[in-house]
Amino acid sequence: MEDKTINALKWIVGIFNKHNVPYRIGGGFAAHVYGSTRPVNDIDISLSGKYFDLIIPEVKKYIKSGPKHYEGEKWDCDYISINYNDQKIDMTDIDTLRMSNKELTKWFQTKDNFCKFPNIIKVINNIEISLIDPRDLVEYKKELADKDHLYQLDDVVAVEKYIINHHL
């Protein structure tokens, strides 16, 4: 993992810990921790939007977008997007996060579908972090994999291997 990613991770997790903000990291970052070889592009973090006001004063100078509502073909949520020393961090309000299914025919709350297992605590470069459980991550990534996002399937294969190797 690149230094900029580790530095951004240490910074944002420090802010969460300082304010006792529960969170979980998902997306490609979590897939990388679970064995995917795809480079980490950003750090995707889910937390309750009720904590946005607590952390905004500490991240304000790095905010590129938000807090605001986004609604698109695949996502409907409140979020904040940050660029911390060239590392993108996206924070999404898990309480509002809705995702459309792969066929784009129905919406569902992600916390009802991809939060079936407790978070996993891992230590990455001496930083204790909270990650999405790999079983939830696989289901989430499968729903994202479509003809324009086939790379999600690479993550699925890697994370499924992790699940088997760790007897989950």
C-alpha atoms as a PDB file:
ATOM      1  CA  MET A   1       0.000   0.000   0.000  1.00  0.00           C
ATOM      2  CA  GLU A   2       1.269   3.455  -0.854  1.00  0.00           C
ATOM      3  CA  ASP A   3       2.554   5.789   1.866  1.00  0.00           C
ATOM      4  CA  LYS A   4      -0.136   8.362   1.024  1.00  0.00           C
ATOM      5  CA  THR A   5      -2.808   5.737   1.712  1.00  0.00           C
ATOM      6  CA  ILE A   6      -1.275   4.693   5.034  1.00  0.00           C
ATOM      7  CA  ASN A   7      -0.849   8.338   6.086  1.00  0.00           C
ATOM      8  CA  ALA A   8      -4.460   9.169   5.189  1.00  0.00           C
ATOM      9  CA  LEU A   9      -5.689   6.067   6.989  1.00  0.00           C
ATOM     10  CA  LYS A  10      -3.778   6.975  10.151  1.00  0.00           C
ATOM     11  CA  TRP A  11      -5.102  10.533   9.979  1.00  0.00           C
ATOM     12  CA  ILE A  12      -8.795   9.711   9.488  1.00  0.00           C
ATOM     13  CA  VAL A  13      -8.842   6.805  11.947  1.00  0.00           C
ATOM     14  CA  GLY A  14      -7.205   9.108  14.510  1.00  0.00           C
ATOM     15  CA  ILE A  15     -10.076  11.561  14.069  1.00  0.00           C
ATOM     16  CA  PHE A  16     -12.666   8.802  14.421  1.00  0.00           C
ATOM     17  CA  ASN A  17     -10.975   7.472  17.558  1.00  0.00           C
ATOM     18  CA  LYS A  18     -10.662  10.954  19.080  1.00  0.00           C
ATOM     19  CA  HIS A  19     -14.430  11.456  18.746  1.00  0.00           C
ATOM     20  CA  ASN A  20     -15.464   7.827  19.414  1.00  0.00           C
ATOM     21  CA  VAL A  21     -17.034   7.571  15.959  1.00  0.00           C
ATOM     22  CA  PRO A  22     -17.954   4.017  14.940  1.00  0.00           C
ATOM     23  CA  TYR A  23     -17.091   3.321  11.313  1.00  0.00           C
ATOM     24  CA  ARG A  24     -16.184   0.575   8.915  1.00  0.00           C
ATOM     25  CA  ILE A  25     -13.958   0.600   5.889  1.00  0.00           C
ATOM     26  CA  GLY A  26     -15.170  -1.214   2.806  1.00  0.00           C
ATOM     27  CA  GLY A  27     -14.674  -1.090  -0.941  1.00  0.00           C
ATOM     28  CA  GLY A  28     -11.408  -1.735  -2.698  1.00  0.00           C
ATOM     29  CA  PHE A  29      -9.382  -0.905   0.406  1.00  0.00           C
ATOM     30  CA  ALA A  30     -11.033  -3.714   2.376  1.00  0.00           C
ATOM     31  CA  ALA A  31     -10.734  -6.041  -0.615  1.00  0.00           C
ATOM     32  CA  HIS A  32      -7.006  -5.239  -0.737  1.00  0.00           C
ATOM     33  CA  VAL A  33      -6.621  -6.080   2.961  1.00  0.00           C
ATOM     34  CA  TYR A  34      -8.398  -9.379   2.263  1.00  0.00           C
ATOM     35  CA  GLY A  35      -6.053 -10.239  -0.599  1.00  0.00           C
ATOM     36  CA  SER A  36      -7.067  -8.413  -3.750  1.00  0.00           C
ATOM     37  CA  THR A  37      -4.092  -7.270  -5.801  1.00  0.00           C
ATOM     38  CA  ARG A  38      -5.897  -4.331  -7.349  1.00  0.00           C
ATOM     39  CA  PRO A  39      -4.313  -1.003  -6.329  1.00  0.00           C
ATOM     40  CA  VAL A  40      -6.124   0.999  -3.649  1.00  0.00           C
ATOM     41  CA  ASN A  41      -7.679   4.054  -5.290  1.00  0.00           C
ATOM     42  CA  ASP A  42      -9.625   5.450  -2.372  1.00  0.00           C
ATOM     43  CA  ILE A  43     -10.685   4.681   1.168  1.00  0.00           C
ATOM     44  CA  ASP A  44     -14.432   4.054   1.385  1.00  0.00           C
ATOM     45  CA  ILE A  45     -15.794   4.531   4.887  1.00  0.00           C
ATOM     46  CA  SER A  46     -19.333   4.050   6.170  1.00  0.00           C
ATOM     47  CA  LEU A  47     -20.483   5.780   9.339  1.00  0.00           C
ATOM     48  CA  SER A  48     -23.633   7.316  10.666  1.00  0.00           C
ATOM     49  CA  GLY A  49     -24.187  10.802   9.271  1.00  0.00           C
ATOM     50  CA  LYS A  50     -25.024  11.968  12.779  1.00  0.00           C
ATOM     51  CA  TYR A  51     -21.236  12.105  13.304  1.00  0.00           C
ATOM     52  CA  PHE A  52     -20.524  14.337  10.304  1.00  0.00           C
ATOM     53  CA  ASP A  53     -20.809  17.516  12.405  1.00  0.00           C
ATOM     54  CA  LEU A  54     -18.231  16.147  14.875  1.00  0.00           C
ATOM     55  CA  ILE A  55     -15.583  15.431  12.280  1.00  0.00           C
ATOM     56  CA  ILE A  56     -16.148  18.262   9.787  1.00  0.00           C
ATOM     57  CA  PRO A  57     -14.118  20.812  11.779  1.00  0.00           C
ATOM     58  CA  GLU A  58     -11.113  18.468  11.617  1.00  0.00           C
ATOM     59  CA  VAL A  59     -11.405  17.563   7.931  1.00  0.00           C
ATOM     60  CA  LYS A  60     -12.809  20.840   6.583  1.00  0.00           C
ATOM     61  CA  LYS A  61      -9.715  21.995   4.706  1.00  0.00           C
ATOM     62  CA  TYR A  62      -9.549  18.673   2.832  1.00  0.00           C
ATOM     63  CA  ILE A  63     -13.224  18.443   1.818  1.00  0.00           C
ATOM     64  CA  LYS A  64     -13.696  18.344  -1.948  1.00  0.00           C
ATOM     65  CA  SER A  65     -17.431  17.695  -1.903  1.00  0.00           C
ATOM     66  CA  GLY A  66     -20.160  17.622   0.702  1.00  0.00           C
ATOM     67  CA  PRO A  67     -21.553  17.038   3.033  1.00  0.00           C
ATOM     68  CA  LYS A  68     -24.366  16.717   0.568  1.00  0.00           C
ATOM     69  CA  HIS A  69     -26.845  14.317  -0.909  1.00  0.00           C
ATOM     70  CA  TYR A  70     -26.039  12.328  -4.020  1.00  0.00           C
ATOM     71  CA  GLU A  71     -28.545  10.439  -6.119  1.00  0.00           C
ATOM     72  CA  GLY A  72     -27.513   8.565  -9.238  1.00  0.00           C
ATOM     73  CA  GLU A  73     -28.225   5.403 -11.140  1.00  0.00           C
ATOM     74  CA  LYS A  74     -26.561   3.161  -8.555  1.00  0.00           C
ATOM     75  CA  TRP A  75     -26.365   5.212  -5.321  1.00  0.00           C
ATOM     76  CA  ASP A  76     -28.592   7.378  -3.156  1.00  0.00           C
ATOM     77  CA  CYS A  77     -26.888   8.750  -0.028  1.00  0.00           C
ATOM     78  CA  ASP A  78     -25.399  11.582   1.971  1.00  0.00           C
ATOM     79  CA  TYR A  79     -21.623  11.764   1.802  1.00  0.00           C
ATOM     80  CA  ILE A  80     -18.405  13.731   2.229  1.00  0.00           C
ATOM     81  CA  SER A  81     -15.490  13.371  -0.176  1.00  0.00           C
ATOM     82  CA  ILE A  82     -12.019  14.311   1.042  1.00  0.00           C
ATOM     83  CA  ASN A  83      -8.624  14.594  -0.567  1.00  0.00           C
ATOM     84  CA  TYR A  84      -5.969  14.230   2.115  1.00  0.00           C
ATOM     85  CA  ASN A  85      -2.518  14.771   0.579  1.00  0.00           C
ATOM     86  CA  ASP A  86      -3.543  13.190  -2.740  1.00  0.00           C
ATOM     87  CA  GLN A  87      -5.441  10.295  -1.126  1.00  0.00           C
ATOM     88  CA  LYS A  88      -9.180  10.263  -1.744  1.00  0.00           C
ATOM     89  CA  ILE A  89     -11.401   9.321   1.197  1.00  0.00           C
ATOM     90  CA  ASP A  90     -15.146   8.924   0.713  1.00  0.00           C
ATOM     91  CA  MET A  91     -17.324   8.907   3.808  1.00  0.00           C
ATOM     92  CA  THR A  92     -20.885   7.741   3.317  1.00  0.00           C
ATOM     93  CA  ASP A  93     -23.781   8.015   5.748  1.00  0.00           C
ATOM     94  CA  ILE A  94     -24.771   4.378   6.336  1.00  0.00           C
ATOM     95  CA  ASP A  95     -28.157   5.552   7.632  1.00  0.00           C
ATOM     96  CA  THR A  96     -29.119   7.026   4.247  1.00  0.00           C
ATOM     97  CA  LEU A  97     -27.097   4.770   1.936  1.00  0.00           C
ATOM     98  CA  ARG A  98     -29.268   3.061  -0.637  1.00  0.00           C
ATOM     99  CA  MET A  99     -27.989   1.067  -3.561  1.00  0.00           C
ATOM    100  CA  SER A 100     -29.771  -0.186  -6.629  1.00  0.00           C
ATOM    101  CA  ASN A 101     -29.548  -3.834  -7.535  1.00  0.00           C
ATOM    102  CA  LYS A 102     -27.351  -4.985 -10.393  1.00  0.00           C
ATOM    103  CA  GLU A 103     -30.240  -4.789 -12.847  1.00  0.00           C
ATOM    104  CA  LEU A 104     -31.102  -1.240 -11.681  1.00  0.00           C
ATOM    105  CA  THR A 105     -34.697  -2.297 -11.024  1.00  0.00           C
ATOM    106  CA  LYS A 106     -35.002  -1.824  -7.247  1.00  0.00           C
ATOM    107  CA  TRP A 107     -33.394   0.028  -4.355  1.00  0.00           C
ATOM    108  CA  PHE A 108     -32.390  -1.352  -0.966  1.00  0.00           C
ATOM    109  CA  GLN A 109     -30.774  -0.076   2.215  1.00  0.00           C
ATOM    110  CA  THR A 110     -27.190  -1.295   2.265  1.00  0.00           C
ATOM    111  CA  LYS A 111     -27.091  -1.590   6.056  1.00  0.00           C
ATOM    112  CA  ASP A 112     -29.942  -4.097   5.852  1.00  0.00           C
ATOM    113  CA  ASN A 113     -28.192  -6.193   3.205  1.00  0.00           C
ATOM    114  CA  PHE A 114     -24.450  -5.853   3.793  1.00  0.00           C
ATOM    115  CA  CYS A 115     -24.149  -5.507   7.566  1.00  0.00           C
ATOM    116  CA  LYS A 116     -25.065  -9.061   8.516  1.00  0.00           C
ATOM    117  CA  PHE A 117     -21.749  -9.707  10.248  1.00  0.00           C
ATOM    118  CA  PRO A 118     -19.866  -7.639  12.840  1.00  0.00           C
ATOM    119  CA  ASN A 119     -16.975  -5.488  11.714  1.00  0.00           C
ATOM    120  CA  ILE A 120     -13.516  -7.056  11.650  1.00  0.00           C
ATOM    121  CA  ILE A 121     -10.732  -5.309  13.539  1.00  0.00           C
ATOM    122  CA  LYS A 122      -7.371  -5.473  11.770  1.00  0.00           C
ATOM    123  CA  VAL A 123      -4.024  -3.836  12.334  1.00  0.00           C
ATOM    124  CA  ILE A 124      -2.549  -2.322   9.172  1.00  0.00           C
ATOM    125  CA  ASN A 125       0.878  -0.688   9.511  1.00  0.00           C
ATOM    126  CA  ASN A 126       0.343  -0.350  13.288  1.00  0.00           C
ATOM    127  CA  ILE A 127      -3.080   1.263  12.778  1.00  0.00           C
ATOM    128  CA  GLU A 128      -6.057  -0.551  14.268  1.00  0.00           C
ATOM    129  CA  ILE A 129      -8.952  -0.246  11.837  1.00  0.00           C
ATOM    130  CA  SER A 130     -12.547  -1.445  11.541  1.00  0.00           C
ATOM    131  CA  LEU A 131     -13.337  -3.271   8.295  1.00  0.00           C
ATOM    132  CA  ILE A 132     -16.432  -4.683   6.681  1.00  0.00           C
ATOM    133  CA  ASP A 133     -16.616  -8.431   7.250  1.00  0.00           C
ATOM    134  CA  PRO A 134     -15.345 -10.257   4.143  1.00  0.00           C
ATOM    135  CA  ARG A 135     -18.641 -12.153   3.783  1.00  0.00           C
ATOM    136  CA  ASP A 136     -20.572  -8.875   3.595  1.00  0.00           C
ATOM    137  CA  LEU A 137     -17.950  -7.460   1.243  1.00  0.00           C
ATOM    138  CA  VAL A 138     -18.328 -10.358  -1.197  1.00  0.00           C
ATOM    139  CA  GLU A 139     -22.105  -9.917  -1.381  1.00  0.00           C
ATOM    140  CA  TYR A 140     -21.708  -6.169  -1.833  1.00  0.00           C
ATOM    141  CA  LYS A 141     -19.085  -6.537  -4.568  1.00  0.00           C
ATOM    142  CA  LYS A 142     -21.201  -9.116  -6.413  1.00  0.00           C
ATOM    143  CA  GLU A 143     -24.039  -6.614  -6.546  1.00  0.00           C
ATOM    144  CA  LEU A 144     -21.679  -3.988  -7.979  1.00  0.00           C
ATOM    145  CA  ALA A 145     -20.199  -6.226 -10.677  1.00  0.00           C
ATOM    146  CA  ASP A 146     -21.757  -5.409 -14.010  1.00  0.00           C
ATOM    147  CA  LYS A 147     -20.433  -5.106 -17.561  1.00  0.00           C
ATOM    148  CA  ASP A 148     -18.845  -1.729 -16.742  1.00  0.00           C
ATOM    149  CA  HIS A 149     -17.363  -2.861 -13.423  1.00  0.00           C
ATOM    150  CA  LEU A 150     -15.993  -6.346 -14.031  1.00  0.00           C
ATOM    151  CA  TYR A 151     -12.967  -5.571 -11.844  1.00  0.00           C
ATOM    152  CA  GLN A 152     -15.328  -6.084  -8.886  1.00  0.00           C
ATOM    153  CA  LEU A 153     -15.234  -9.793  -9.717  1.00  0.00           C
ATOM    154  CA  ASP A 154     -11.447  -9.831  -9.212  1.00  0.00           C
ATOM    155  CA  ASP A 155     -12.066  -8.530  -5.696  1.00  0.00           C
ATOM    156  CA  VAL A 156     -14.783 -11.143  -5.143  1.00  0.00           C
ATOM    157  CA  VAL A 157     -12.426 -13.996  -6.100  1.00  0.00           C
ATOM    158  CA  ALA A 158      -9.673 -12.711  -3.796  1.00  0.00           C
ATOM    159  CA  VAL A 159     -11.996 -12.130  -0.843  1.00  0.00           C
ATOM    160  CA  GLU A 160     -13.693 -15.525  -1.285  1.00  0.00           C
ATOM    161  CA  LYS A 161     -10.248 -17.121  -1.106  1.00  0.00           C
ATOM    162  CA  TYR A 162      -9.624 -15.214   2.140  1.00  0.00           C
ATOM    163  CA  ILE A 163     -12.933 -16.474   3.539  1.00  0.00           C
ATOM    164  CA  ILE A 164     -12.021 -20.089   2.734  1.00  0.00           C
ATOM    165  CA  ASN A 165      -8.484 -19.765   4.105  1.00  0.00           C
ATOM    166  CA  HIS A 166      -9.742 -18.208   7.342  1.00  0.00           C
ATOM    167  CA  HIS A 167     -12.636 -20.664   7.766  1.00  0.00           C
ATOM    168  CA  LEU A 168     -15.317 -17.970   7.859  1.00  0.00           C
END
